[in-house]
Protein backbone atom coordinates (compact mmCIF):
# COMPACT_ATOMS: atom_id res chain seq x y z
CA UNK A 1 -53.56 125.71 7.23
CA UNK A 2 -56.35 123.16 7.44
CA UNK A 3 -57.80 122.33 10.82
CA UNK A 4 -57.68 118.71 9.62
CA UNK A 5 -54.10 118.18 8.40
CA UNK A 6 -54.62 114.44 7.91
CA UNK A 7 -57.18 115.22 5.20
CA UNK A 8 -54.57 116.67 2.85
CA UNK A 9 -51.18 115.49 4.05
CA UNK A 10 -49.38 112.20 3.59
CA UNK A 11 -46.99 110.63 6.03
CA UNK A 12 -43.36 111.09 4.99
CA UNK A 13 -41.49 108.20 3.40
CA UNK A 14 -39.56 107.45 6.59
CA UNK A 15 -42.74 107.36 8.66
CA UNK A 16 -44.46 105.12 6.08
CA UNK A 17 -41.50 102.72 6.23
CA UNK A 18 -41.70 102.57 10.04
CA UNK A 19 -45.46 102.00 10.04
CA UNK A 20 -45.15 99.34 7.34
CA UNK A 21 -42.39 97.59 9.31
CA UNK A 22 -44.56 97.53 12.44
CA UNK A 23 -47.51 96.14 10.50
CA UNK A 24 -45.25 93.48 8.97
CA UNK A 25 -44.14 92.45 12.48
CA UNK A 26 -47.78 92.28 13.60
CA UNK A 27 -48.69 90.10 10.62
CA UNK A 28 -45.68 87.85 11.22
CA UNK A 29 -46.39 87.44 14.93
CA UNK A 30 -50.10 86.76 14.49
CA UNK A 31 -49.88 84.84 11.19
CA UNK A 32 -52.94 86.85 10.12
CA UNK A 33 -54.04 86.78 6.48
CA UNK A 34 -55.61 90.22 6.69
CA UNK A 35 -55.99 93.26 8.88
CA UNK A 36 -59.23 95.10 9.56
CA UNK A 37 -59.09 98.81 10.26
CA UNK A 38 -61.77 101.01 11.75
CA UNK A 39 -61.94 104.77 11.78
CA UNK A 40 -63.89 107.07 14.10
CA UNK A 41 -63.64 110.23 12.01
CA UNK A 42 -67.02 111.93 11.49
CA UNK A 43 -66.55 113.40 8.02
CA UNK A 44 -66.88 110.85 5.21
CA UNK A 45 -64.08 112.44 3.18
CA UNK A 46 -61.76 112.26 6.20
CA UNK A 47 -62.57 108.58 6.73
CA UNK A 48 -61.90 107.83 3.06
CA UNK A 49 -58.58 109.69 3.20
CA UNK A 50 -57.55 107.80 6.34
CA UNK A 51 -58.20 104.49 4.59
CA UNK A 52 -56.36 105.70 1.49
CA UNK A 53 -53.31 106.40 3.65
CA UNK A 54 -53.46 102.88 5.10
CA UNK A 55 -53.90 101.40 1.60
CA UNK A 56 -50.81 103.29 0.41
CA UNK A 57 -48.77 101.37 2.99
CA UNK A 58 -49.32 98.20 0.99
CA UNK A 59 -47.39 99.62 -1.97
């Protein structure tokens, strides 16, 4: 098993739904047009994967 499970795994469908719902509430409450995410992971590939996971929530 990888010491960095986030690098290869994807959140399950139920978890993605919950995260998406919370982001939708945040957008509704703030009336924001966009969200900006930051990531403190050291490895470039890990950072890219983290942002890919967030991008998948839009679908």
